[in-house]
Amino acid sequence: MFEMLAEMNDIAMIGILLGAAAVLMLLEIVTPSFGVLLVMAIGAIIGAAYYGFRISPLAGALVLLLGLMSIPLYLFMMMKILPKSPLGHLLFLRKPKDATAEGTPEVSKLQQLVGKTGIAETELRPSGKISVDGQRVVALAEHELIEKGQKVIVIKAGGTDVVVRKTE
């Protein structure tokens, strides 16, 4: 009778220690402990294996194997699922929506320059100043050095960047 009761206590301890390991791994992901909590979780898994070995060698080996195999799987799942959960939305920063400087006033003016021709006021190697429709703009040469006074065409304007190409 006492052996059966001791075995049930061992099984309960295995469950408690594996649950503690899962909680410690979750806390490792959401707090900056630099691996301390993960080491504690591994210790809890080893403790669970100890109680498994008290039941039988096969039970101990199974608990140890499954516990240690679950660490990378658990961490991978937490990194994939946690950021998308309501808790993850509170814990993690969101990605920026757009980093193309669309909020700057010059963007709409620069977009209107696409397809227009102008003159290089300075050498573009790769950046310099051009004049388009009487407007002086900082631009980037698409591929090669563009000499001062050369005709250029605006091929792209994204954010605050204007890209030009030499015309013949």
Protein backbone atom coordinates (compact mmCIF):
# COMPACT_ATOMS: atom_id res chain seq x y z
CA MET A 1 0.00 0.00 0.00
CA PHE A 2 2.78 2.42 0.96
CA GLU A 3 4.69 1.58 -2.22
CA MET A 4 1.66 2.47 -4.33
CA LEU A 5 1.21 5.72 -2.40
CA ALA A 6 4.91 6.57 -2.84
CA GLU A 7 4.65 5.85 -6.58
CA MET A 8 1.61 8.16 -6.84
CA ASN A 9 3.58 10.88 -5.03
CA ASP A 10 6.44 10.37 -7.50
CA ILE A 11 4.03 10.72 -10.42
CA ALA A 12 2.59 13.88 -8.88
CA MET A 13 6.10 15.30 -8.41
CA ILE A 14 6.91 14.52 -12.07
CA GLY A 15 3.82 16.46 -13.12
CA ILE A 16 4.57 19.38 -10.79
CA LEU A 17 8.21 19.60 -11.91
CA LEU A 18 7.35 19.39 -15.62
CA GLY A 19 4.68 22.06 -15.14
CA ALA A 20 7.22 24.25 -13.31
CA ALA A 21 9.67 23.71 -16.19
CA ALA A 22 7.02 24.89 -18.68
CA VAL A 23 6.28 28.00 -16.61
CA LEU A 24 10.00 28.76 -16.23
CA MET A 25 10.53 28.46 -19.99
CA LEU A 26 7.62 30.83 -20.62
CA LEU A 27 9.09 33.31 -18.14
CA GLU A 28 12.46 32.96 -19.87
CA ILE A 29 10.89 34.16 -23.10
CA VAL A 30 9.07 37.16 -21.65
CA THR A 31 11.67 38.39 -19.13
CA PRO A 32 15.33 39.26 -19.56
CA SER A 33 16.89 36.60 -17.32
CA PHE A 34 19.71 35.77 -19.76
CA GLY A 35 19.20 32.02 -19.47
CA VAL A 36 18.89 31.73 -15.68
CA LEU A 37 15.25 30.63 -15.87
CA LEU A 38 16.02 28.19 -18.68
CA VAL A 39 18.71 26.57 -16.51
CA MET A 40 16.14 26.31 -13.71
CA ALA A 41 13.68 24.71 -16.15
CA ILE A 42 16.30 22.16 -17.17
CA GLY A 43 16.89 21.48 -13.48
CA ALA A 44 13.17 20.88 -12.99
CA ILE A 45 13.18 18.44 -15.93
CA ILE A 46 16.15 16.60 -14.42
CA GLY A 47 14.32 16.53 -11.07
CA ALA A 48 11.28 15.05 -12.80
CA ALA A 49 13.55 12.43 -14.38
CA TYR A 50 14.89 11.59 -10.90
CA TYR A 51 11.35 10.87 -9.70
CA GLY A 52 10.77 8.87 -12.88
CA PHE A 53 13.83 6.74 -12.13
CA ARG A 54 12.44 6.11 -8.66
CA ILE A 55 9.45 4.45 -10.36
CA SER A 56 11.48 2.48 -12.93
CA PRO A 57 14.48 2.98 -15.21
CA LEU A 58 12.24 3.06 -18.25
CA ALA A 59 9.96 5.74 -16.74
CA GLY A 60 12.98 7.85 -15.77
CA ALA A 61 14.56 7.58 -19.21
CA LEU A 62 11.22 8.44 -20.85
CA VAL A 63 10.67 11.51 -18.66
CA LEU A 64 14.24 12.70 -19.25
CA LEU A 65 14.09 12.14 -23.01
CA LEU A 66 10.69 13.74 -23.47
CA GLY A 67 11.57 16.62 -21.15
CA LEU A 68 14.82 17.49 -22.90
CA MET A 69 13.27 17.08 -26.36
CA SER A 70 10.46 19.41 -25.37
CA ILE A 71 12.76 22.37 -24.62
CA PRO A 72 13.59 23.34 -28.23
CA LEU A 73 10.04 22.53 -29.36
CA TYR A 74 8.52 24.58 -26.55
CA LEU A 75 10.80 27.57 -27.14
CA PHE A 76 10.13 27.44 -30.90
CA MET A 77 6.38 27.33 -30.37
CA MET A 78 6.50 30.18 -27.83
CA MET A 79 8.48 32.33 -30.25
CA LYS A 80 5.94 31.66 -33.01
CA ILE A 81 2.67 31.72 -31.04
CA LEU A 82 3.34 34.15 -28.19
CA PRO A 83 3.90 37.30 -30.31
CA LYS A 84 0.51 36.76 -31.99
CA SER A 85 -1.37 36.24 -28.73
CA PRO A 86 -3.05 39.05 -26.71
CA LEU A 87 -0.28 38.74 -24.10
CA GLY A 88 2.33 38.94 -26.85
CA HIS A 89 0.79 42.15 -28.20
CA LEU A 90 1.38 43.70 -24.80
CA LEU A 91 4.94 42.38 -24.44
CA PHE A 92 6.48 42.81 -27.90
CA LEU A 93 6.98 45.87 -30.09
CA ARG A 94 5.06 45.98 -33.34
CA LYS A 95 6.75 46.27 -36.73
CA PRO A 96 6.65 49.75 -38.25
CA LYS A 97 3.92 50.10 -40.84
CA ASP A 98 5.96 51.99 -43.40
CA ALA A 99 9.38 53.56 -43.24
CA THR A 100 9.32 55.41 -46.55
CA ALA A 101 8.96 58.93 -45.07
CA GLU A 102 5.46 59.24 -46.52
CA GLY A 103 4.59 61.78 -43.85
CA THR A 104 7.09 64.37 -45.04
CA PRO A 105 5.72 67.27 -47.13
CA GLU A 106 8.34 66.85 -49.86
CA VAL A 107 7.18 63.36 -50.79
CA SER A 108 4.24 64.43 -52.97
CA LYS A 109 6.43 67.04 -54.71
CA LEU A 110 9.14 64.48 -55.36
CA GLN A 111 6.65 61.92 -56.71
CA GLN A 112 5.58 64.46 -59.35
CA LEU A 113 9.15 64.63 -60.69
CA VAL A 114 9.19 61.02 -61.92
CA GLY A 115 9.63 60.99 -65.71
CA LYS A 116 10.78 64.61 -65.92
CA THR A 117 14.19 65.69 -67.17
CA GLY A 118 16.62 68.05 -65.53
CA ILE A 119 20.25 69.13 -65.36
CA ALA A 120 22.92 67.89 -62.94
CA GLU A 121 24.06 70.97 -60.99
CA THR A 122 26.88 69.00 -59.30
CA GLU A 123 28.58 65.70 -60.00
CA LEU A 124 26.44 62.78 -58.91
CA ARG A 125 28.78 60.14 -57.45
CA PRO A 126 26.34 58.64 -56.52
CA SER A 127 24.57 61.60 -54.93
CA GLY A 128 24.50 65.24 -55.86
CA LYS A 129 22.14 68.07 -56.76
CA ILE A 130 19.97 68.36 -59.83
CA SER A 131 17.58 70.99 -61.12
CA VAL A 132 14.17 69.89 -62.40
CA ASP A 133 11.46 72.42 -63.33
CA GLY A 134 13.41 75.15 -61.54
CA GLN A 135 13.47 73.11 -58.36
CA ARG A 136 16.78 72.08 -56.79
CA VAL A 137 16.73 68.48 -55.50
CA VAL A 138 19.26 66.09 -53.97
CA ALA A 139 19.36 62.96 -56.14
CA LEU A 140 21.12 59.61 -56.46
CA ALA A 141 22.62 58.35 -59.73
CA GLU A 142 21.19 54.96 -60.67
CA HIS A 143 24.40 53.27 -61.83
CA GLU A 144 27.26 55.50 -62.85
CA LEU A 145 28.92 58.84 -62.23
CA ILE A 146 26.99 61.72 -63.80
CA GLU A 147 28.99 64.83 -64.71
CA LYS A 148 27.93 68.37 -63.84
CA GLY A 149 25.74 69.90 -66.59
CA GLN A 150 24.61 66.51 -67.94
CA LYS A 151 20.91 65.96 -68.71
CA VAL A 152 19.20 63.51 -66.35
CA ILE A 153 15.77 61.91 -66.10
CA VAL A 154 14.06 61.11 -62.81
CA ILE A 155 13.26 57.40 -62.82
CA LYS A 156 12.12 56.84 -59.25
CA ALA A 157 11.12 58.82 -56.18
CA GLY A 158 10.54 56.87 -52.96
CA GLY A 159 10.29 58.60 -49.62
CA THR A 160 12.88 61.35 -49.72
CA ASP A 161 15.10 59.61 -52.30
CA VAL A 162 15.15 60.68 -55.95
CA VAL A 163 16.94 58.34 -58.38
CA VAL A 164 18.08 59.66 -61.76
CA ARG A 165 19.62 58.26 -64.92
CA LYS A 166 21.82 60.02 -67.48
CA THR A 167 20.08 60.87 -70.77
CA GLU A 168 21.81 61.34 -74.13
